[in-house]
Amino acid sequence: MPIRGLAGGLAILACAATAVLATPAPAGAHPFGDPQTVAIAPDPARPEVVRVRWKVGGLDDLTLLGVALGLLPRDRVLLDGAVFYQDSDAAAVGPSAQFAAYLRERITVASDGRECAGTVTPPDDLARTGATIDYTCPAAVGVVDVAVRTLTDLDPAYRTLATGPSGARAVYTSDAYTHEWSVGDAVPAAGGGAGTGRGAALQIGAVVGGLLLVAVAALAIGRRMRRRAAGRVAA
């Protein structure tokens, strides 16, 4: 190949490589930092309402969500996936209609198989205290199914740590995004949701109690046998 032709070809390849590197890359997710959290609680004043508070784990995840919702510019995420959070990000995302719709779509509550309507309260400080969604159900709630799929649309590796009434806990994943919670007087069915941990604790308590009874009975029988033996020796 002539020198000029070779030089021209190299120049074309260099230009192509520059164009590829300059193309904006998709926003990279950061699912292995602090996990996002949700807290599920009843409303004592309104028995038909279930309150869910969502809080992001890492502030860079909040920036990524804002980019995905079109609320923040894409250049906030560099080609290598680095994310630069700014204090203004929470203020841009929190009060937006897109963010409220996202929460209502990705966090759902159902009671007796019927969906509960969610209302998002505009957060005062999204980065520090998170956002609150009130779900109004058709009737007073006892056991509800709460589904959480926030951020797993960015990366399925995201996890959500959840807490509920009476110290109940759960972990949501992209494969296990629905959990049953007892938020009223009703108790979940055996073998399902939050009732599983309570049922296991009761079973363990029954076993331990049975073993204690057996041990006490054995001690009583041993004492009687020793007394009888001592009486025979004295005779």
C-alpha atoms as a PDB file:
ATOM      1  CA  MET A   1       0.000   0.000   0.000  1.00  0.00           C
ATOM      2  CA  PRO A   2       1.352   3.479  -0.833  1.00  0.00           C
ATOM      3  CA  ILE A   3       2.553   5.568   2.074  1.00  0.00           C
ATOM      4  CA  ARG A   4      -0.128   8.169   1.489  1.00  0.00           C
ATOM      5  CA  GLY A   5      -2.839   5.490   1.346  1.00  0.00           C
ATOM      6  CA  LEU A   6      -1.606   3.921   4.583  1.00  0.00           C
ATOM      7  CA  ALA A   7      -1.517   7.281   6.322  1.00  0.00           C
ATOM      8  CA  GLY A   8      -5.020   8.058   5.118  1.00  0.00           C
ATOM      9  CA  GLY A   9      -6.299   4.718   6.392  1.00  0.00           C
ATOM     10  CA  LEU A  10      -4.740   5.274   9.810  1.00  0.00           C
ATOM     11  CA  ALA A  11      -6.289   8.721   9.974  1.00  0.00           C
ATOM     12  CA  ILE A  12      -9.728   7.271   9.208  1.00  0.00           C
ATOM     13  CA  LEU A  13      -9.311   4.624  11.949  1.00  0.00           C
ATOM     14  CA  ALA A  14      -8.197   7.288  14.416  1.00  0.00           C
ATOM     15  CA  CYS A  15     -11.238   9.397  13.631  1.00  0.00           C
ATOM     16  CA  ALA A  16     -13.545   6.391  14.035  1.00  0.00           C
ATOM     17  CA  ALA A  17     -11.998   5.495  17.390  1.00  0.00           C
ATOM     18  CA  THR A  18     -12.382   9.079  18.573  1.00  0.00           C
ATOM     19  CA  ALA A  19     -16.041   9.064  17.518  1.00  0.00           C
ATOM     20  CA  VAL A  20     -16.692   5.818  19.432  1.00  0.00           C
ATOM     21  CA  LEU A  21     -15.013   7.096  22.583  1.00  0.00           C
ATOM     22  CA  ALA A  22     -16.898  10.380  22.363  1.00  0.00           C
ATOM     23  CA  THR A  23     -20.303   8.626  22.154  1.00  0.00           C
ATOM     24  CA  PRO A  24     -22.122   8.986  25.490  1.00  0.00           C
ATOM     25  CA  ALA A  25     -22.277   5.675  27.333  1.00  0.00           C
ATOM     26  CA  PRO A  26     -25.401   4.485  29.190  1.00  0.00           C
ATOM     27  CA  ALA A  27     -25.545   5.567  32.809  1.00  0.00           C
ATOM     28  CA  GLY A  28     -23.839   2.941  34.929  1.00  0.00           C
ATOM     29  CA  ALA A  29     -25.628   1.726  38.063  1.00  0.00           C
ATOM     30  CA  HIS A  30     -23.970   1.365  41.461  1.00  0.00           C
ATOM     31  CA  PRO A  31     -25.934  -1.423  43.190  1.00  0.00           C
ATOM     32  CA  PHE A  32     -23.157  -2.607  45.516  1.00  0.00           C
ATOM     33  CA  GLY A  33     -23.002   0.401  47.809  1.00  0.00           C
ATOM     34  CA  ASP A  34     -25.375   1.236  50.654  1.00  0.00           C
ATOM     35  CA  PRO A  35     -28.755  -0.408  49.945  1.00  0.00           C
ATOM     36  CA  GLN A  36     -31.959   1.533  49.527  1.00  0.00           C
ATOM     37  CA  THR A  37     -34.526   1.102  52.295  1.00  0.00           C
ATOM     38  CA  VAL A  38     -38.292   1.065  52.747  1.00  0.00           C
ATOM     39  CA  ALA A  39     -40.283   1.263  55.972  1.00  0.00           C
ATOM     40  CA  ILE A  40     -43.856  -0.071  56.014  1.00  0.00           C
ATOM     41  CA  ALA A  41     -46.245   1.165  58.714  1.00  0.00           C
ATOM     42  CA  PRO A  42     -49.979   1.558  59.328  1.00  0.00           C
ATOM     43  CA  ASP A  43     -51.651   4.900  59.895  1.00  0.00           C
ATOM     44  CA  PRO A  44     -53.296   4.755  63.354  1.00  0.00           C
ATOM     45  CA  ALA A  45     -55.743   7.505  62.421  1.00  0.00           C
ATOM     46  CA  ARG A  46     -56.749   5.887  59.116  1.00  0.00           C
ATOM     47  CA  PRO A  47     -57.069   2.065  59.278  1.00  0.00           C
ATOM     48  CA  GLU A  48     -57.374   1.827  55.510  1.00  0.00           C
ATOM     49  CA  VAL A  49     -54.011   3.529  54.868  1.00  0.00           C
ATOM     50  CA  VAL A  50     -50.560   1.938  54.654  1.00  0.00           C
ATOM     51  CA  ARG A  51     -47.542   4.260  54.663  1.00  0.00           C
ATOM     52  CA  VAL A  52     -44.299   3.405  52.882  1.00  0.00           C
ATOM     53  CA  ARG A  53     -41.174   5.525  53.257  1.00  0.00           C
ATOM     54  CA  TRP A  54     -38.518   5.027  50.567  1.00  0.00           C
ATOM     55  CA  LYS A  55     -34.948   6.224  50.962  1.00  0.00           C
ATOM     56  CA  VAL A  56     -32.092   5.906  48.495  1.00  0.00           C
ATOM     57  CA  GLY A  57     -28.902   4.178  49.625  1.00  0.00           C
ATOM     58  CA  GLY A  58     -26.183   6.172  47.858  1.00  0.00           C
ATOM     59  CA  LEU A  59     -26.586   9.707  46.599  1.00  0.00           C
ATOM     60  CA  ASP A  60     -25.006   8.684  43.304  1.00  0.00           C
ATOM     61  CA  ASP A  61     -27.973   6.314  42.857  1.00  0.00           C
ATOM     62  CA  LEU A  62     -30.263   9.309  43.206  1.00  0.00           C
ATOM     63  CA  THR A  63     -28.333  11.056  40.445  1.00  0.00           C
ATOM     64  CA  LEU A  64     -28.572   7.972  38.223  1.00  0.00           C
ATOM     65  CA  LEU A  65     -32.319   7.834  38.783  1.00  0.00           C
ATOM     66  CA  GLY A  66     -32.632  11.496  37.925  1.00  0.00           C
ATOM     67  CA  VAL A  67     -30.736  10.917  34.675  1.00  0.00           C
ATOM     68  CA  ALA A  68     -32.919   7.900  33.830  1.00  0.00           C
ATOM     69  CA  LEU A  69     -36.079   9.955  34.433  1.00  0.00           C
ATOM     70  CA  GLY A  70     -34.790  12.755  32.218  1.00  0.00           C
ATOM     71  CA  LEU A  71     -34.572  15.200  35.115  1.00  0.00           C
ATOM     72  CA  LEU A  72     -30.777  15.551  35.094  1.00  0.00           C
ATOM     73  CA  PRO A  73     -28.345  15.906  32.168  1.00  0.00           C
ATOM     74  CA  ARG A  74     -26.632  12.748  30.954  1.00  0.00           C
ATOM     75  CA  ASP A  75     -23.201  14.331  31.193  1.00  0.00           C
ATOM     76  CA  ARG A  76     -23.438  13.911  34.969  1.00  0.00           C
ATOM     77  CA  VAL A  77     -22.378  10.299  34.322  1.00  0.00           C
ATOM     78  CA  LEU A  78     -18.920   9.927  32.800  1.00  0.00           C
ATOM     79  CA  LEU A  79     -17.875   7.327  30.238  1.00  0.00           C
ATOM     80  CA  ASP A  80     -16.252   5.175  32.922  1.00  0.00           C
ATOM     81  CA  GLY A  81     -19.485   5.113  34.938  1.00  0.00           C
ATOM     82  CA  ALA A  82     -18.388   7.649  37.544  1.00  0.00           C
ATOM     83  CA  VAL A  83     -21.292   9.705  38.890  1.00  0.00           C
ATOM     84  CA  PHE A  84     -21.059  13.193  40.349  1.00  0.00           C
ATOM     85  CA  TYR A  85     -23.848  13.992  42.794  1.00  0.00           C
ATOM     86  CA  GLN A  86     -24.723  17.612  43.502  1.00  0.00           C
ATOM     87  CA  ASP A  87     -26.945  18.962  46.252  1.00  0.00           C
ATOM     88  CA  SER A  88     -29.266  20.337  43.604  1.00  0.00           C
ATOM     89  CA  ASP A  89     -30.011  16.807  42.320  1.00  0.00           C
ATOM     90  CA  ALA A  90     -32.388  15.968  45.162  1.00  0.00           C
ATOM     91  CA  ALA A  91     -34.171  19.282  44.701  1.00  0.00           C
ATOM     92  CA  ALA A  92     -34.595  18.544  40.984  1.00  0.00           C
ATOM     93  CA  VAL A  93     -35.851  14.980  41.455  1.00  0.00           C
ATOM     94  CA  GLY A  94     -37.957  15.165  44.639  1.00  0.00           C
ATOM     95  CA  PRO A  95     -40.883  17.430  43.658  1.00  0.00           C
ATOM     96  CA  SER A  96     -41.123  16.218  40.060  1.00  0.00           C
ATOM     97  CA  ALA A  97     -44.178  14.454  38.637  1.00  0.00           C
ATOM     98  CA  GLN A  98     -41.864  11.909  36.975  1.00  0.00           C
ATOM     99  CA  PHE A  99     -40.419  10.843  40.318  1.00  0.00           C
ATOM    100  CA  ALA A 100     -43.854  10.550  41.944  1.00  0.00           C
ATOM    101  CA  ALA A 101     -45.087   8.422  39.049  1.00  0.00           C
ATOM    102  CA  TYR A 102     -41.958   6.265  39.276  1.00  0.00           C
ATOM    103  CA  LEU A 103     -42.532   5.537  42.973  1.00  0.00           C
ATOM    104  CA  ARG A 104     -46.200   4.679  42.429  1.00  0.00           C
ATOM    105  CA  GLU A 105     -45.262   2.338  39.576  1.00  0.00           C
ATOM    106  CA  ARG A 106     -42.315   0.610  41.261  1.00  0.00           C
ATOM    107  CA  ILE A 107     -43.786   0.370  44.786  1.00  0.00           C
ATOM    108  CA  THR A 108     -47.283  -1.117  44.998  1.00  0.00           C
ATOM    109  CA  VAL A 109     -49.540  -2.227  47.837  1.00  0.00           C
ATOM    110  CA  ALA A 110     -52.440  -4.671  47.620  1.00  0.00           C
ATOM    111  CA  SER A 111     -54.968  -5.663  50.279  1.00  0.00           C
ATOM    112  CA  ASP A 112     -57.217  -8.717  49.805  1.00  0.00           C
ATOM    113  CA  GLY A 113     -56.026  -8.909  46.214  1.00  0.00           C
ATOM    114  CA  ARG A 114     -57.066  -5.324  45.443  1.00  0.00           C
ATOM    115  CA  GLU A 115     -54.626  -2.562  44.591  1.00  0.00           C
ATOM    116  CA  CYS A 116     -54.350   0.417  46.934  1.00  0.00           C
ATOM    117  CA  ALA A 117     -54.066   3.900  45.433  1.00  0.00           C
ATOM    118  CA  GLY A 118     -50.776   5.628  46.213  1.00  0.00           C
ATOM    119  CA  THR A 119     -50.241   9.314  46.936  1.00  0.00           C
ATOM    120  CA  VAL A 120     -46.686  10.672  47.104  1.00  0.00           C
ATOM    121  CA  THR A 121     -45.964  13.472  49.540  1.00  0.00           C
ATOM    122  CA  PRO A 122     -43.458  15.933  48.006  1.00  0.00           C
ATOM    123  CA  PRO A 123     -40.295  15.350  50.068  1.00  0.00           C
ATOM    124  CA  ASP A 124     -38.742  18.173  52.040  1.00  0.00           C
ATOM    125  CA  ASP A 125     -35.266  16.589  51.898  1.00  0.00           C
ATOM    126  CA  LEU A 126     -35.161  13.615  49.548  1.00  0.00           C
ATOM    127  CA  ALA A 127     -31.471  12.890  50.135  1.00  0.00           C
ATOM    128  CA  ARG A 128     -31.715  12.776  53.953  1.00  0.00           C
ATOM    129  CA  THR A 129     -35.223  11.616  54.804  1.00  0.00           C
ATOM    130  CA  GLY A 130     -36.494  10.023  51.600  1.00  0.00           C
ATOM    131  CA  ALA A 131     -40.022  10.114  50.212  1.00  0.00           C
ATOM    132  CA  THR A 132     -43.337   8.985  51.699  1.00  0.00           C
ATOM    133  CA  ILE A 133     -46.174   7.270  49.839  1.00  0.00           C
ATOM    134  CA  ASP A 134     -49.605   6.798  51.445  1.00  0.00           C
ATOM    135  CA  TYR A 135     -51.590   3.885  50.002  1.00  0.00           C
ATOM    136  CA  THR A 136     -55.340   4.067  50.538  1.00  0.00           C
ATOM    137  CA  CYS A 137     -56.957   0.625  50.387  1.00  0.00           C
ATOM    138  CA  PRO A 138     -60.639  -0.217  49.781  1.00  0.00           C
ATOM    139  CA  ALA A 139     -61.121  -1.215  53.423  1.00  0.00           C
ATOM    140  CA  ALA A 140     -59.305  -1.410  56.759  1.00  0.00           C
ATOM    141  CA  VAL A 141     -56.103  -3.363  56.261  1.00  0.00           C
ATOM    142  CA  GLY A 142     -54.671  -6.275  58.202  1.00  0.00           C
ATOM    143  CA  VAL A 143     -52.313  -8.120  55.882  1.00  0.00           C
ATOM    144  CA  VAL A 144     -50.959  -6.440  52.748  1.00  0.00           C
ATOM    145  CA  ASP A 145     -48.711  -7.453  49.877  1.00  0.00           C
ATOM    146  CA  VAL A 146     -46.059  -4.822  49.233  1.00  0.00           C
ATOM    147  CA  ALA A 147     -44.006  -5.003  46.030  1.00  0.00           C
ATOM    148  CA  VAL A 148     -40.768  -3.005  45.712  1.00  0.00           C
ATOM    149  CA  ARG A 149     -38.948  -2.778  42.370  1.00  0.00           C
ATOM    150  CA  THR A 150     -37.220   0.594  42.657  1.00  0.00           C
ATOM    151  CA  LEU A 151     -33.815   0.896  40.932  1.00  0.00           C
ATOM    152  CA  THR A 152     -33.870  -2.722  39.718  1.00  0.00           C
ATOM    153  CA  ASP A 153     -34.827  -1.298  36.326  1.00  0.00           C
ATOM    154  CA  LEU A 154     -31.375   0.342  36.333  1.00  0.00           C
ATOM    155  CA  ASP A 155     -29.607  -2.831  37.465  1.00  0.00           C
ATOM    156  CA  PRO A 156     -31.135  -6.100  38.770  1.00  0.00           C
ATOM    157  CA  ALA A 157     -28.401  -6.333  41.415  1.00  0.00           C
ATOM    158  CA  TYR A 158     -29.981  -3.597  43.530  1.00  0.00           C
ATOM    159  CA  ARG A 159     -31.338  -4.696  46.926  1.00  0.00           C
ATOM    160  CA  THR A 160     -33.843  -3.086  49.278  1.00  0.00           C
ATOM    161  CA  LEU A 161     -33.816  -3.537  53.050  1.00  0.00           C
ATOM    162  CA  ALA A 162     -37.338  -3.325  54.436  1.00  0.00           C
ATOM    163  CA  THR A 163     -38.697  -2.924  57.958  1.00  0.00           C
ATOM    164  CA  GLY A 164     -42.255  -3.237  59.175  1.00  0.00           C
ATOM    165  CA  PRO A 165     -44.409  -3.301  62.306  1.00  0.00           C
ATOM    166  CA  SER A 166     -43.274  -5.280  65.369  1.00  0.00           C
ATOM    167  CA  GLY A 167     -39.684  -5.391  64.111  1.00  0.00           C
ATOM    168  CA  ALA A 168     -40.477  -7.416  60.985  1.00  0.00           C
ATOM    169  CA  ARG A 169     -37.768  -7.327  58.315  1.00  0.00           C
ATOM    170  CA  ALA A 170     -37.299  -8.440  54.728  1.00  0.00           C
ATOM    171  CA  VAL A 171     -34.949  -8.049  51.784  1.00  0.00           C
ATOM    172  CA  TYR A 172     -36.342  -7.248  48.348  1.00  0.00           C
ATOM    173  CA  THR A 173     -34.494  -8.334  45.196  1.00  0.00           C
ATOM    174  CA  SER A 174     -35.268  -8.282  41.488  1.00  0.00           C
ATOM    175  CA  ASP A 175     -36.346 -11.946  41.756  1.00  0.00           C
ATOM    176  CA  ALA A 176     -38.221 -11.602  45.060  1.00  0.00           C
ATOM    177  CA  TYR A 177     -39.916  -8.221  44.933  1.00  0.00           C
ATOM    178  CA  THR A 178     -43.161  -9.030  46.796  1.00  0.00           C
ATOM    179  CA  HIS A 179     -43.521  -9.554  50.529  1.00  0.00           C
ATOM    180  CA  GLU A 180     -46.462  -9.986  52.871  1.00  0.00           C
ATOM    181  CA  TRP A 181     -46.719  -7.720  55.909  1.00  0.00           C
ATOM    182  CA  SER A 182     -49.050  -7.671  58.885  1.00  0.00           C
ATOM    183  CA  VAL A 183     -49.995  -4.050  59.545  1.00  0.00           C
ATOM    184  CA  GLY A 184     -53.244  -4.530  61.454  1.00  0.00           C
ATOM    185  CA  ASP A 185     -54.939  -6.986  63.789  1.00  0.00           C
ATOM    186  CA  ALA A 186     -54.876  -9.809  61.235  1.00  0.00           C
ATOM    187  CA  VAL A 187     -52.047 -12.351  61.267  1.00  0.00           C
ATOM    188  CA  PRO A 188     -50.477 -13.600  57.996  1.00  0.00           C
ATOM    189  CA  ALA A 189     -51.272 -17.153  56.972  1.00  0.00           C
ATOM    190  CA  ALA A 190     -48.825 -19.799  58.157  1.00  0.00           C
ATOM    191  CA  GLY A 191     -45.867 -20.237  55.836  1.00  0.00           C
ATOM    192  CA  GLY A 192     -46.143 -16.859  54.138  1.00  0.00           C
ATOM    193  CA  GLY A 193     -44.573 -13.422  54.413  1.00  0.00           C
ATOM    194  CA  ALA A 194     -43.758 -11.892  57.755  1.00  0.00           C
ATOM    195  CA  GLY A 195     -45.685 -14.647  59.544  1.00  0.00           C
ATOM    196  CA  THR A 196     -43.000 -17.162  58.624  1.00  0.00           C
ATOM    197  CA  GLY A 197     -40.499 -15.762  61.117  1.00  0.00           C
ATOM    198  CA  ARG A 198     -43.107 -15.605  63.861  1.00  0.00           C
ATOM    199  CA  GLY A 199     -44.246 -19.174  63.177  1.00  0.00           C
ATOM    200  CA  ALA A 200     -40.664 -20.432  63.288  1.00  0.00           C
ATOM    201  CA  ALA A 201     -40.081 -18.630  66.586  1.00  0.00           C
ATOM    202  CA  LEU A 202     -43.205 -20.238  68.071  1.00  0.00           C
ATOM    203  CA  GLN A 203     -42.098 -23.658  66.878  1.00  0.00           C
ATOM    204  CA  ILE A 204     -38.639 -23.214  68.380  1.00  0.00           C
ATOM    205  CA  GLY A 205     -40.184 -22.033  71.635  1.00  0.00           C
ATOM    206  CA  ALA A 206     -42.430 -25.099  71.755  1.00  0.00           C
ATOM    207  CA  VAL A 207     -39.481 -27.432  71.176  1.00  0.00           C
ATOM    208  CA  VAL A 208     -37.366 -25.745  73.847  1.00  0.00           C
ATOM    209  CA  GLY A 209     -40.284 -25.827  76.275  1.00  0.00           C
ATOM    210  CA  GLY A 210     -40.809 -29.531  75.614  1.00  0.00           C
ATOM    211  CA  LEU A 211     -37.144 -30.277  76.243  1.00  0.00           C
ATOM    212  CA  LEU A 212     -37.274 -28.387  79.546  1.00  0.00           C
ATOM    213  CA  LEU A 213     -40.300 -30.383  80.633  1.00  0.00           C
ATOM    214  CA  VAL A 214     -38.513 -33.631  79.771  1.00  0.00           C
ATOM    215  CA  ALA A 215     -35.433 -32.527  81.733  1.00  0.00           C
ATOM    216  CA  VAL A 216     -37.528 -31.599  84.787  1.00  0.00           C
ATOM    217  CA  ALA A 217     -39.355 -34.915  84.635  1.00  0.00           C
ATOM    218  CA  ALA A 218     -36.047 -36.804  84.402  1.00  0.00           C
ATOM    219  CA  LEU A 219     -34.689 -34.993  87.449  1.00  0.00           C
ATOM    220  CA  ALA A 220     -37.821 -35.786  89.448  1.00  0.00           C
ATOM    221  CA  ILE A 221     -37.677 -39.471  88.525  1.00  0.00           C
ATOM    222  CA  GLY A 222     -33.958 -39.617  89.412  1.00  0.00           C
ATOM    223  CA  ARG A 223     -34.597 -38.128  92.836  1.00  0.00           C
ATOM    224  CA  ARG A 224     -37.367 -40.629  93.544  1.00  0.00           C
ATOM    225  CA  MET A 225     -35.109 -43.544  92.532  1.00  0.00           C
ATOM    226  CA  ARG A 226     -32.292 -42.284  94.763  1.00  0.00           C
ATOM    227  CA  ARG A 227     -34.666 -41.901  97.696  1.00  0.00           C
ATOM    228  CA  ARG A 228     -35.998 -45.422  97.242  1.00  0.00           C
ATOM    229  CA  ALA A 229     -32.452 -46.822  97.029  1.00  0.00           C
ATOM    230  CA  ALA A 230     -31.435 -44.951 100.169  1.00  0.00           C
ATOM    231  CA  GLY A 231     -34.477 -46.326 101.990  1.00  0.00           C
ATOM    232  CA  ARG A 232     -33.615 -49.904 101.042  1.00  0.00           C
ATOM    233  CA  VAL A 233     -30.042 -49.500 102.293  1.00  0.00           C
ATOM    234  CA  ALA A 234     -31.244 -48.105 105.616  1.00  0.00           C
ATOM    235  CA  ALA A 235     -33.636 -51.031 106.048  1.00  0.00           C
END
